[in-house]
Amino acid sequence: MRTFPFVAAVATFISSTTFAAVLVFDNAAVFNAGLLDSSLSNFDQTFESYSGPAASFTGGTGEYAWKASSPYGVLGQAGVIQTLASSGTLKFDFSSGNVYGVGGLFHYVDLTGAYKSGLMKIKLSDGTTFIRSISSQTTFSGFITTDVSITSLELSHIGSIGATFSAAESLTIGYVPAPGAFALLGLAGMASRRRRA
């Protein structure tokens, strides 16, 4: 497995014969522009409504459905989803096969859910791994793959930073709409042209 350090540029191409070409973003607005430029729809998820411990949490629907889990369970508190075990890995799964972009506010929290900084390893489903310095609660990390769909994203610790928990405060999913959605858009466009004629 190859590990790439996070580059603090707005977008960086990383590609090889064994890894998908991946655009890396550290700015939410530029990431959203990248989704638009890639003809991807986006779904934004916050976690205020998730509360208490659980084996996993789910959200979204259809093409942008997601599941958050960790080997020892997850916890919703203070507007984040986090691991229940300190130094655990928080994993988001995307089962539709149509997700090509994932971004969000990923960081660490303490026992009370308060933000903590540190180095984070972010791993995509194709094995591509990024090392990211989390320097504030609003540090954004985003990824768009140009050929292989993203079926999972994992957040885990690098080194020891005490009793901290991998957490996500928000999540943006870039996905290819279902073919039926494209057909409906096409019909709407034809109807609009007929009315103008």
N, C-alpha and C. Protein backbone atom coordinates (compact mmCIF):
# COMPACT_ATOMS: atom_id res chain seq x y z
N MET A 1 0.84 -1.18 0.00
CA MET A 1 0.00 0.00 0.00
C MET A 1 0.88 1.23 0.00
N ARG A 2 0.51 2.22 -0.81
CA ARG A 2 1.26 3.47 -0.86
C ARG A 2 0.54 4.50 -0.01
N THR A 3 1.31 5.33 0.68
CA THR A 3 0.75 6.40 1.50
C THR A 3 1.22 7.72 0.95
N PHE A 4 0.26 8.66 0.74
CA PHE A 4 0.58 9.97 0.22
C PHE A 4 0.33 11.00 1.31
N PRO A 5 1.29 11.87 1.60
CA PRO A 5 1.01 12.94 2.55
C PRO A 5 0.00 13.91 1.94
N PHE A 6 -0.84 14.49 2.78
CA PHE A 6 -1.81 15.48 2.28
C PHE A 6 -1.06 16.72 1.84
N VAL A 7 -1.35 17.20 0.68
CA VAL A 7 -0.72 18.41 0.15
C VAL A 7 -1.69 19.56 0.36
N ALA A 8 -1.21 20.66 0.90
CA ALA A 8 -2.09 21.77 1.24
C ALA A 8 -2.44 22.62 0.03
N ALA A 9 -2.38 22.06 -1.13
CA ALA A 9 -2.85 22.76 -2.33
C ALA A 9 -4.35 22.58 -2.42
N VAL A 10 -4.99 23.42 -3.25
CA VAL A 10 -6.44 23.31 -3.40
C VAL A 10 -6.81 21.97 -4.00
N ALA A 11 -6.10 21.53 -5.02
CA ALA A 11 -6.37 20.22 -5.60
C ALA A 11 -5.07 19.63 -6.12
N THR A 12 -4.87 18.35 -5.88
CA THR A 12 -3.65 17.69 -6.31
C THR A 12 -4.01 16.38 -6.98
N PHE A 13 -3.45 16.11 -8.15
CA PHE A 13 -3.66 14.83 -8.81
C PHE A 13 -2.67 13.83 -8.27
N ILE A 14 -3.12 12.64 -7.95
CA ILE A 14 -2.25 11.55 -7.56
C ILE A 14 -2.71 10.34 -8.36
N SER A 15 -1.84 9.78 -9.17
CA SER A 15 -2.26 8.62 -9.94
C SER A 15 -1.10 7.67 -10.16
N SER A 16 -1.44 6.42 -10.38
CA SER A 16 -0.48 5.41 -10.76
C SER A 16 -1.25 4.29 -11.42
N THR A 17 -0.57 3.25 -11.82
CA THR A 17 -1.27 2.17 -12.50
C THR A 17 -2.14 1.36 -11.56
N THR A 18 -1.86 1.40 -10.25
CA THR A 18 -2.64 0.59 -9.32
C THR A 18 -3.61 1.42 -8.48
N PHE A 19 -3.60 2.72 -8.62
CA PHE A 19 -4.49 3.56 -7.84
C PHE A 19 -5.30 4.45 -8.77
N ALA A 20 -6.51 4.74 -8.37
CA ALA A 20 -7.35 5.65 -9.14
C ALA A 20 -6.74 7.04 -9.12
N ALA A 21 -7.01 7.83 -10.14
CA ALA A 21 -6.62 9.24 -10.11
C ALA A 21 -7.53 9.92 -9.10
N VAL A 22 -6.95 10.65 -8.16
CA VAL A 22 -7.71 11.24 -7.08
C VAL A 22 -7.39 12.72 -6.99
N LEU A 23 -8.42 13.55 -6.97
CA LEU A 23 -8.27 14.97 -6.69
C LEU A 23 -8.42 15.14 -5.18
N VAL A 24 -7.52 15.90 -4.57
CA VAL A 24 -7.53 16.11 -3.12
C VAL A 24 -7.80 17.58 -2.85
N PHE A 25 -8.75 17.86 -1.96
CA PHE A 25 -9.18 19.24 -1.69
C PHE A 25 -9.04 19.56 -0.21
N ASP A 26 -8.68 20.82 0.09
CA ASP A 26 -8.69 21.28 1.49
C ASP A 26 -9.61 22.50 1.65
N ASN A 27 -10.51 22.69 0.69
CA ASN A 27 -11.44 23.82 0.71
C ASN A 27 -12.80 23.33 0.25
N ALA A 28 -13.84 23.52 1.09
CA ALA A 28 -15.17 22.99 0.78
C ALA A 28 -15.77 23.61 -0.48
N ALA A 29 -15.60 24.92 -0.67
CA ALA A 29 -16.19 25.58 -1.84
C ALA A 29 -15.56 25.08 -3.13
N VAL A 30 -14.24 24.88 -3.11
CA VAL A 30 -13.56 24.39 -4.30
C VAL A 30 -13.93 22.92 -4.54
N PHE A 31 -14.08 22.14 -3.47
CA PHE A 31 -14.53 20.75 -3.60
C PHE A 31 -15.91 20.70 -4.26
N ASN A 32 -16.84 21.55 -3.81
CA ASN A 32 -18.18 21.58 -4.40
C ASN A 32 -18.13 21.99 -5.87
N ALA A 33 -17.23 22.91 -6.21
CA ALA A 33 -17.04 23.30 -7.62
C ALA A 33 -16.50 22.11 -8.41
N GLY A 34 -15.62 21.32 -7.80
CA GLY A 34 -15.09 20.12 -8.45
C GLY A 34 -16.16 19.09 -8.71
N LEU A 35 -17.09 18.94 -7.76
CA LEU A 35 -18.22 18.02 -7.96
C LEU A 35 -19.06 18.47 -9.14
N LEU A 36 -19.34 19.78 -9.21
CA LEU A 36 -20.13 20.33 -10.30
C LEU A 36 -19.41 20.13 -11.64
N ASP A 37 -18.11 20.39 -11.66
CA ASP A 37 -17.32 20.24 -12.88
C ASP A 37 -17.27 18.78 -13.33
N SER A 38 -17.39 17.84 -12.38
CA SER A 38 -17.37 16.41 -12.69
C SER A 38 -18.77 15.87 -12.97
N SER A 39 -19.77 16.77 -13.04
CA SER A 39 -21.18 16.39 -13.28
C SER A 39 -21.73 15.47 -12.20
N LEU A 40 -21.28 15.68 -10.96
CA LEU A 40 -21.77 14.90 -9.83
C LEU A 40 -22.78 15.72 -9.04
N SER A 41 -23.85 15.07 -8.61
CA SER A 41 -24.78 15.69 -7.68
C SER A 41 -24.18 15.59 -6.28
N ASN A 42 -24.64 16.42 -5.35
CA ASN A 42 -24.09 16.33 -4.00
C ASN A 42 -25.18 16.28 -2.95
N PHE A 43 -24.86 15.58 -1.87
CA PHE A 43 -25.72 15.44 -0.71
C PHE A 43 -24.91 15.84 0.51
N ASP A 44 -25.44 16.79 1.30
CA ASP A 44 -24.76 17.27 2.50
C ASP A 44 -25.42 16.68 3.74
N GLN A 45 -24.62 16.14 4.64
CA GLN A 45 -25.11 15.50 5.86
C GLN A 45 -24.44 16.12 7.07
N THR A 46 -25.24 16.54 8.05
CA THR A 46 -24.71 16.92 9.36
C THR A 46 -25.21 15.88 10.36
N PHE A 47 -24.68 15.92 11.58
CA PHE A 47 -24.94 14.82 12.50
C PHE A 47 -25.60 15.25 13.82
N GLU A 48 -26.24 16.43 13.85
CA GLU A 48 -26.88 16.89 15.08
C GLU A 48 -27.98 15.94 15.56
N SER A 49 -28.64 15.25 14.64
CA SER A 49 -29.77 14.39 15.02
C SER A 49 -29.33 13.00 15.49
N TYR A 50 -28.04 12.72 15.45
CA TYR A 50 -27.54 11.40 15.88
C TYR A 50 -27.09 11.50 17.32
N SER A 51 -27.63 10.62 18.17
CA SER A 51 -27.38 10.74 19.60
C SER A 51 -27.21 9.36 20.24
N GLY A 52 -26.26 9.28 21.15
CA GLY A 52 -26.06 8.06 21.91
C GLY A 52 -25.21 7.04 21.18
N PRO A 53 -24.94 5.91 21.88
CA PRO A 53 -24.12 4.86 21.28
C PRO A 53 -24.94 3.95 20.37
N ALA A 54 -24.27 3.36 19.37
CA ALA A 54 -24.94 2.42 18.46
C ALA A 54 -23.88 1.56 17.80
N ALA A 55 -24.30 0.44 17.26
CA ALA A 55 -23.38 -0.40 16.49
C ALA A 55 -22.98 0.32 15.21
N SER A 56 -23.93 1.06 14.63
CA SER A 56 -23.66 1.85 13.42
C SER A 56 -24.76 2.89 13.27
N PHE A 57 -24.51 3.88 12.44
CA PHE A 57 -25.51 4.87 12.06
C PHE A 57 -25.64 4.84 10.54
N THR A 58 -26.82 5.17 10.05
CA THR A 58 -27.04 5.24 8.61
C THR A 58 -27.72 6.55 8.26
N GLY A 59 -27.62 6.92 7.00
CA GLY A 59 -28.26 8.14 6.52
C GLY A 59 -28.28 8.16 5.01
N GLY A 60 -28.82 9.24 4.47
CA GLY A 60 -28.96 9.35 3.03
C GLY A 60 -29.92 8.30 2.51
N THR A 61 -30.02 8.21 1.20
CA THR A 61 -30.89 7.21 0.58
C THR A 61 -30.43 6.97 -0.85
N GLY A 62 -30.75 5.82 -1.39
CA GLY A 62 -30.43 5.53 -2.78
C GLY A 62 -28.97 5.68 -3.11
N GLU A 63 -28.68 6.53 -4.10
CA GLU A 63 -27.31 6.70 -4.60
C GLU A 63 -26.36 7.29 -3.56
N TYR A 64 -26.88 8.02 -2.56
CA TYR A 64 -26.02 8.65 -1.56
C TYR A 64 -26.23 8.10 -0.16
N ALA A 65 -26.70 6.85 -0.07
CA ALA A 65 -26.85 6.20 1.23
C ALA A 65 -25.47 5.96 1.84
N TRP A 66 -25.37 6.10 3.16
CA TRP A 66 -24.12 5.88 3.86
C TRP A 66 -24.35 5.13 5.17
N LYS A 67 -23.30 4.49 5.64
CA LYS A 67 -23.33 3.80 6.94
C LYS A 67 -22.02 4.11 7.65
N ALA A 68 -22.09 4.55 8.90
CA ALA A 68 -20.90 4.82 9.72
C ALA A 68 -20.78 3.73 10.78
N SER A 69 -19.58 3.16 10.90
CA SER A 69 -19.38 2.09 11.87
C SER A 69 -17.94 2.12 12.38
N SER A 70 -17.71 1.35 13.43
CA SER A 70 -16.40 1.16 14.02
C SER A 70 -16.43 -0.19 14.72
N PRO A 71 -15.30 -0.89 14.84
CA PRO A 71 -15.33 -2.23 15.44
C PRO A 71 -16.01 -2.30 16.81
N TYR A 72 -15.89 -1.25 17.62
CA TYR A 72 -16.50 -1.26 18.95
C TYR A 72 -17.73 -0.37 19.04
N GLY A 73 -18.25 0.07 17.91
CA GLY A 73 -19.45 0.90 17.89
C GLY A 73 -19.13 2.37 17.69
N VAL A 74 -20.19 3.13 17.51
CA VAL A 74 -20.08 4.57 17.27
C VAL A 74 -20.95 5.32 18.28
N LEU A 75 -20.69 6.62 18.37
CA LEU A 75 -21.41 7.47 19.31
C LEU A 75 -21.77 8.77 18.62
N GLY A 76 -23.01 9.21 18.79
CA GLY A 76 -23.42 10.52 18.32
C GLY A 76 -23.50 11.46 19.51
N GLN A 77 -22.74 12.56 19.48
CA GLN A 77 -22.81 13.55 20.55
C GLN A 77 -22.19 14.86 20.06
N ALA A 78 -22.72 15.95 20.55
CA ALA A 78 -22.18 17.29 20.27
C ALA A 78 -22.06 17.57 18.77
N GLY A 79 -22.98 17.01 17.96
CA GLY A 79 -22.99 17.29 16.52
C GLY A 79 -21.99 16.50 15.70
N VAL A 80 -21.38 15.47 16.30
CA VAL A 80 -20.44 14.63 15.56
C VAL A 80 -20.82 13.16 15.70
N ILE A 81 -20.34 12.37 14.75
CA ILE A 81 -20.32 10.91 14.89
C ILE A 81 -18.87 10.54 15.15
N GLN A 82 -18.64 9.73 16.18
CA GLN A 82 -17.29 9.38 16.57
C GLN A 82 -17.20 7.90 16.90
N THR A 83 -15.97 7.40 17.03
CA THR A 83 -15.78 6.03 17.47
C THR A 83 -16.08 5.94 18.97
N LEU A 84 -16.51 4.77 19.40
CA LEU A 84 -16.72 4.56 20.84
C LEU A 84 -15.40 4.26 21.55
N ALA A 85 -14.47 3.64 20.84
CA ALA A 85 -13.18 3.30 21.43
C ALA A 85 -12.13 4.33 21.04
N SER A 86 -11.35 4.74 22.02
CA SER A 86 -10.24 5.66 21.75
C SER A 86 -9.29 5.03 20.74
N SER A 87 -8.80 5.82 19.83
CA SER A 87 -7.89 5.37 18.78
C SER A 87 -8.51 4.38 17.80
N GLY A 88 -9.84 4.28 17.79
CA GLY A 88 -10.53 3.40 16.85
C GLY A 88 -10.61 4.03 15.46
N THR A 89 -10.98 3.23 14.47
CA THR A 89 -11.16 3.68 13.10
C THR A 89 -12.63 3.90 12.82
N LEU A 90 -12.98 5.08 12.31
CA LEU A 90 -14.35 5.39 11.91
C LEU A 90 -14.46 5.14 10.41
N LYS A 91 -15.40 4.27 10.03
CA LYS A 91 -15.53 3.90 8.62
C LYS A 91 -16.90 4.29 8.09
N PHE A 92 -16.90 4.96 6.93
CA PHE A 92 -18.13 5.26 6.20
C PHE A 92 -18.18 4.35 4.98
N ASP A 93 -19.29 3.63 4.82
CA ASP A 93 -19.51 2.78 3.66
C ASP A 93 -20.56 3.41 2.76
N PHE A 94 -20.34 3.30 1.45
CA PHE A 94 -21.27 3.81 0.44
C PHE A 94 -21.59 2.64 -0.50
N SER A 95 -22.79 2.11 -0.43
CA SER A 95 -23.10 0.85 -1.10
C SER A 95 -23.64 0.99 -2.52
N SER A 96 -23.93 2.19 -2.98
CA SER A 96 -24.59 2.34 -4.28
C SER A 96 -23.66 2.05 -5.46
N GLY A 97 -22.36 2.22 -5.27
CA GLY A 97 -21.42 2.08 -6.38
C GLY A 97 -21.38 3.30 -7.27
N ASN A 98 -22.12 4.35 -6.90
CA ASN A 98 -22.18 5.57 -7.70
C ASN A 98 -21.59 6.78 -7.00
N VAL A 99 -20.83 6.58 -5.93
CA VAL A 99 -20.20 7.68 -5.20
C VAL A 99 -18.78 7.88 -5.74
N TYR A 100 -18.50 9.11 -6.20
CA TYR A 100 -17.18 9.43 -6.75
C TYR A 100 -16.53 10.61 -6.03
N GLY A 101 -17.20 11.17 -5.05
CA GLY A 101 -16.64 12.26 -4.27
C GLY A 101 -17.09 12.17 -2.82
N VAL A 102 -16.17 12.40 -1.90
CA VAL A 102 -16.49 12.41 -0.47
C VAL A 102 -15.66 13.50 0.19
N GLY A 103 -16.29 14.32 1.01
CA GLY A 103 -15.57 15.34 1.74
C GLY A 103 -16.27 15.64 3.05
N GLY A 104 -15.61 16.41 3.89
CA GLY A 104 -16.25 16.78 5.15
C GLY A 104 -15.27 17.34 6.15
N LEU A 105 -15.81 17.61 7.33
CA LEU A 105 -15.01 18.07 8.47
C LEU A 105 -14.69 16.84 9.30
N PHE A 106 -13.46 16.35 9.18
CA PHE A 106 -13.00 15.15 9.88
C PHE A 106 -11.93 15.57 10.87
N HIS A 107 -12.09 15.17 12.14
CA HIS A 107 -11.10 15.54 13.16
C HIS A 107 -11.21 14.59 14.33
N TYR A 108 -10.60 14.96 15.44
CA TYR A 108 -10.67 14.16 16.66
C TYR A 108 -11.49 14.90 17.71
N VAL A 109 -12.05 14.14 18.66
CA VAL A 109 -12.75 14.73 19.79
C VAL A 109 -12.29 14.03 21.06
N ASP A 110 -12.52 14.71 22.20
CA ASP A 110 -12.21 14.08 23.48
C ASP A 110 -13.47 13.39 24.02
N LEU A 111 -13.43 12.99 25.29
CA LEU A 111 -14.55 12.26 25.89
C LEU A 111 -15.86 13.06 25.88
N THR A 112 -15.77 14.39 25.91
CA THR A 112 -16.97 15.23 25.93
C THR A 112 -17.45 15.62 24.54
N GLY A 113 -16.70 15.23 23.51
CA GLY A 113 -17.05 15.60 22.14
C GLY A 113 -16.41 16.89 21.68
N ALA A 114 -15.50 17.46 22.49
CA ALA A 114 -14.82 18.70 22.12
C ALA A 114 -13.70 18.40 21.13
N TYR A 115 -13.51 19.31 20.17
CA TYR A 115 -12.50 19.16 19.11
C TYR A 115 -11.09 18.99 19.65
N LYS A 116 -10.31 18.11 18.99
CA LYS A 116 -8.89 17.95 19.27
C LYS A 116 -8.14 17.86 17.94
N SER A 117 -6.92 18.41 17.90
CA SER A 117 -6.11 18.38 16.68
C SER A 117 -5.25 17.12 16.65
N GLY A 118 -4.53 16.94 15.55
CA GLY A 118 -3.61 15.81 15.43
C GLY A 118 -3.43 15.41 13.98
N LEU A 119 -2.65 14.37 13.74
CA LEU A 119 -2.49 13.82 12.41
C LEU A 119 -3.52 12.73 12.20
N MET A 120 -4.14 12.72 11.03
CA MET A 120 -5.17 11.72 10.74
C MET A 120 -4.83 10.99 9.45
N LYS A 121 -5.09 9.69 9.45
CA LYS A 121 -4.96 8.90 8.24
C LYS A 121 -6.36 8.74 7.64
N ILE A 122 -6.49 9.11 6.36
CA ILE A 122 -7.77 8.98 5.65
C ILE A 122 -7.53 8.00 4.51
N LYS A 123 -8.26 6.89 4.52
CA LYS A 123 -8.06 5.83 3.55
C LYS A 123 -9.31 5.65 2.70
N LEU A 124 -9.13 5.65 1.38
CA LEU A 124 -10.23 5.40 0.45
C LEU A 124 -10.31 3.91 0.13
N SER A 125 -11.44 3.49 -0.42
CA SER A 125 -11.69 2.07 -0.65
C SER A 125 -10.73 1.42 -1.63
N ASP A 126 -10.10 2.19 -2.51
CA ASP A 126 -9.15 1.59 -3.46
C ASP A 126 -7.78 1.37 -2.84
N GLY A 127 -7.61 1.72 -1.56
CA GLY A 127 -6.34 1.55 -0.86
C GLY A 127 -5.51 2.81 -0.79
N THR A 128 -5.90 3.84 -1.54
CA THR A 128 -5.17 5.11 -1.49
C THR A 128 -5.31 5.70 -0.08
N THR A 129 -4.17 6.10 0.49
CA THR A 129 -4.15 6.60 1.87
C THR A 129 -3.53 7.99 1.90
N PHE A 130 -4.16 8.88 2.67
CA PHE A 130 -3.70 10.26 2.82
C PHE A 130 -3.42 10.52 4.29
N ILE A 131 -2.31 11.20 4.56
CA ILE A 131 -2.00 11.64 5.93
C ILE A 131 -2.33 13.11 6.00
N ARG A 132 -3.15 13.50 6.96
CA ARG A 132 -3.67 14.87 7.03
C ARG A 132 -3.39 15.48 8.40
N SER A 133 -2.88 16.69 8.42
CA SER A 133 -2.74 17.44 9.67
C SER A 133 -4.06 18.16 9.94
N ILE A 134 -4.68 17.85 11.06
CA ILE A 134 -5.93 18.49 11.46
C ILE A 134 -5.59 19.61 12.42
N SER A 135 -5.68 20.85 11.93
CA SER A 135 -5.21 21.98 12.74
C SER A 135 -6.34 22.82 13.32
N SER A 136 -7.57 22.61 12.87
CA SER A 136 -8.71 23.33 13.45
C SER A 136 -9.98 22.52 13.24
N GLN A 137 -11.03 22.91 13.92
CA GLN A 137 -12.31 22.20 13.82
C GLN A 137 -12.91 22.35 12.42
N THR A 138 -12.49 23.37 11.68
CA THR A 138 -13.03 23.61 10.35
C THR A 138 -12.08 23.13 9.24
N THR A 139 -11.09 22.30 9.59
CA THR A 139 -10.21 21.74 8.57
C THR A 139 -11.03 20.82 7.67
N PHE A 140 -11.04 21.12 6.37
CA PHE A 140 -11.83 20.35 5.41
C PHE A 140 -10.93 19.40 4.64
N SER A 141 -11.43 18.20 4.40
CA SER A 141 -10.74 17.23 3.56
C SER A 141 -11.75 16.68 2.56
N GLY A 142 -11.39 16.69 1.27
CA GLY A 142 -12.30 16.19 0.25
C GLY A 142 -11.55 15.46 -0.84
N PHE A 143 -12.23 14.51 -1.47
CA PHE A 143 -11.61 13.64 -2.47
C PHE A 143 -12.60 13.36 -3.59
N ILE A 144 -12.13 13.49 -4.82
CA ILE A 144 -12.92 13.11 -5.99
C ILE A 144 -12.07 12.15 -6.80
N THR A 145 -12.61 10.98 -7.09
CA THR A 145 -11.90 10.01 -7.92
C THR A 145 -12.42 10.10 -9.35
N THR A 146 -11.53 9.94 -10.29
CA THR A 146 -11.90 10.17 -11.69
C THR A 146 -12.28 8.90 -12.44
N ASP A 147 -12.09 7.71 -11.82
CA ASP A 147 -12.45 6.51 -12.57
C ASP A 147 -13.08 5.39 -11.74
N VAL A 148 -12.73 5.24 -10.48
CA VAL A 148 -13.26 4.15 -9.67
C VAL A 148 -14.15 4.73 -8.58
N SER A 149 -15.33 4.14 -8.38
CA SER A 149 -16.23 4.67 -7.36
C SER A 149 -15.63 4.47 -5.96
N ILE A 150 -16.06 5.32 -5.03
CA ILE A 150 -15.62 5.24 -3.64
C ILE A 150 -16.67 4.43 -2.88
N THR A 151 -16.27 3.29 -2.35
CA THR A 151 -17.22 2.47 -1.59
C THR A 151 -17.02 2.59 -0.08
N SER A 152 -15.88 3.17 0.33
CA SER A 152 -15.67 3.42 1.76
C SER A 152 -14.62 4.49 1.97
N LEU A 153 -14.67 5.08 3.17
CA LEU A 153 -13.69 6.06 3.62
C LEU A 153 -13.44 5.78 5.09
N GLU A 154 -12.17 5.68 5.49
CA GLU A 154 -11.82 5.38 6.87
C GLU A 154 -11.00 6.50 7.49
N LEU A 155 -11.32 6.84 8.73
CA LEU A 155 -10.60 7.87 9.49
C LEU A 155 -9.93 7.19 10.68
N SER A 156 -8.60 7.32 10.78
CA SER A 156 -7.91 6.67 11.89
C SER A 156 -6.73 7.51 12.36
N HIS A 157 -6.20 7.16 13.53
CA HIS A 157 -5.11 7.89 14.18
C HIS A 157 -3.76 7.62 13.54
N ILE A 158 -2.91 8.62 13.62
CA ILE A 158 -1.48 8.46 13.34
C ILE A 158 -0.77 8.81 14.63
N GLY A 159 -0.04 7.87 15.20
CA GLY A 159 0.65 8.12 16.45
C GLY A 159 -0.32 8.14 17.63
N SER A 160 0.19 8.45 18.79
CA SER A 160 -0.62 8.49 20.01
C SER A 160 -0.92 9.93 20.38
N ILE A 161 -2.19 10.26 20.49
CA ILE A 161 -2.57 11.62 20.90
C ILE A 161 -3.54 11.58 22.07
N GLY A 162 -3.32 10.60 22.96
CA GLY A 162 -4.13 10.51 24.16
C GLY A 162 -5.50 9.90 23.90
N ALA A 163 -6.42 10.13 24.84
CA ALA A 163 -7.77 9.56 24.75
C ALA A 163 -8.61 10.40 23.79
N THR A 164 -8.40 10.21 22.51
CA THR A 164 -9.15 10.94 21.50
C THR A 164 -9.84 9.94 20.57
N PHE A 165 -10.86 10.44 19.89
CA PHE A 165 -11.73 9.58 19.09
C PHE A 165 -11.85 10.17 17.68
N SER A 166 -11.70 9.32 16.66
CA SER A 166 -11.90 9.77 15.29
C SER A 166 -13.35 10.18 15.11
N ALA A 167 -13.58 11.33 14.45
CA ALA A 167 -14.93 11.87 14.36
C ALA A 167 -15.17 12.57 13.03
N ALA A 168 -16.43 12.64 12.66
CA ALA A 168 -16.86 13.41 11.49
C ALA A 168 -17.95 14.38 11.95
N GLU A 169 -17.79 15.64 11.57
CA GLU A 169 -18.77 16.67 11.93
C GLU A 169 -19.73 16.94 10.79
N SER A 170 -19.28 16.69 9.57
CA SER A 170 -20.16 16.83 8.40
C SER A 170 -19.63 15.93 7.30
N LEU A 171 -20.50 15.68 6.33
CA LEU A 171 -20.14 14.78 5.23
C LEU A 171 -20.83 15.27 3.97
N THR A 172 -20.09 15.39 2.89
CA THR A 172 -20.66 15.72 1.58
C THR A 172 -20.34 14.57 0.64
N ILE A 173 -21.37 14.05 0.00
CA ILE A 173 -21.22 12.91 -0.90
C ILE A 173 -21.50 13.38 -2.32
N GLY A 174 -20.55 13.13 -3.22
CA GLY A 174 -20.73 13.43 -4.64
C GLY A 174 -21.07 12.15 -5.37
N TYR A 175 -22.20 12.12 -6.03
CA TYR A 175 -22.68 10.87 -6.63
C TYR A 175 -23.25 11.09 -8.03
N VAL A 176 -23.26 10.02 -8.80
CA VAL A 176 -23.90 10.02 -10.11
C VAL A 176 -25.37 9.73 -9.88
N PRO A 177 -26.27 10.62 -10.31
CA PRO A 177 -27.70 10.36 -10.11
C PRO A 177 -28.14 9.09 -10.83
N ALA A 178 -29.18 8.46 -10.32
CA ALA A 178 -29.72 7.26 -10.96
C ALA A 178 -30.12 7.58 -12.38
N PRO A 179 -30.01 6.61 -13.31
CA PRO A 179 -30.38 6.86 -14.71
C PRO A 179 -31.79 7.43 -14.86
N GLY A 180 -32.71 7.02 -14.00
CA GLY A 180 -34.08 7.54 -14.06
C GLY A 180 -34.13 9.03 -13.84
N ALA A 181 -33.21 9.55 -13.00
CA ALA A 181 -33.19 10.99 -12.74
C ALA A 181 -32.77 11.74 -14.00
N PHE A 182 -31.79 11.18 -14.73
CA PHE A 182 -31.38 11.80 -15.98
C PHE A 182 -32.51 11.80 -16.99
N ALA A 183 -33.27 10.68 -17.04
CA ALA A 183 -34.39 10.58 -17.99
C ALA A 183 -35.45 11.63 -17.67
N LEU A 184 -35.74 11.80 -16.38
CA LEU A 184 -36.73 12.82 -15.99
C LEU A 184 -36.26 14.22 -16.34
N LEU A 185 -34.97 14.48 -16.13
CA LEU A 185 -34.43 15.79 -16.50
C LEU A 185 -34.54 16.02 -18.00
N GLY A 186 -34.29 14.97 -18.78
CA GLY A 186 -34.40 15.08 -20.23
C GLY A 186 -35.82 15.37 -20.66
N LEU A 187 -36.79 14.70 -20.06
CA LEU A 187 -38.21 14.94 -20.38
C LEU A 187 -38.62 16.35 -20.00
N ALA A 188 -38.14 16.80 -18.85
CA ALA A 188 -38.47 18.17 -18.42
C ALA A 188 -37.91 19.18 -19.40
N GLY A 189 -36.69 18.92 -19.90
CA GLY A 189 -36.07 19.82 -20.87
C GLY A 189 -36.85 19.87 -22.17
N MET A 190 -37.32 18.69 -22.64
CA MET A 190 -38.10 18.65 -23.89
C MET A 190 -39.42 19.40 -23.72
N ALA A 191 -40.08 19.20 -22.58
CA ALA A 191 -41.35 19.88 -22.32
C ALA A 191 -41.15 21.38 -22.30
N SER A 192 -40.04 21.83 -21.70
CA SER A 192 -39.76 23.25 -21.62
C SER A 192 -39.53 23.82 -23.03
N ARG A 193 -38.82 23.09 -23.88
CA ARG A 193 -38.59 23.57 -25.25
C ARG A 193 -39.88 23.63 -26.03
N ARG A 194 -40.78 22.65 -25.84
CA ARG A 194 -42.04 22.64 -26.58
C ARG A 194 -42.91 23.84 -26.20
N ARG A 195 -42.88 24.19 -24.90
CA ARG A 195 -43.70 25.33 -24.47
C ARG A 195 -43.22 26.63 -25.09
N ARG A 196 -41.88 26.73 -25.27
CA ARG A 196 -41.33 27.97 -25.84
C ARG A 196 -41.60 28.06 -27.33
N ALA A 197 -41.76 26.91 -28.00
CA ALA A 197 -41.94 26.91 -29.46
C ALA A 197 -43.26 27.52 -29.88
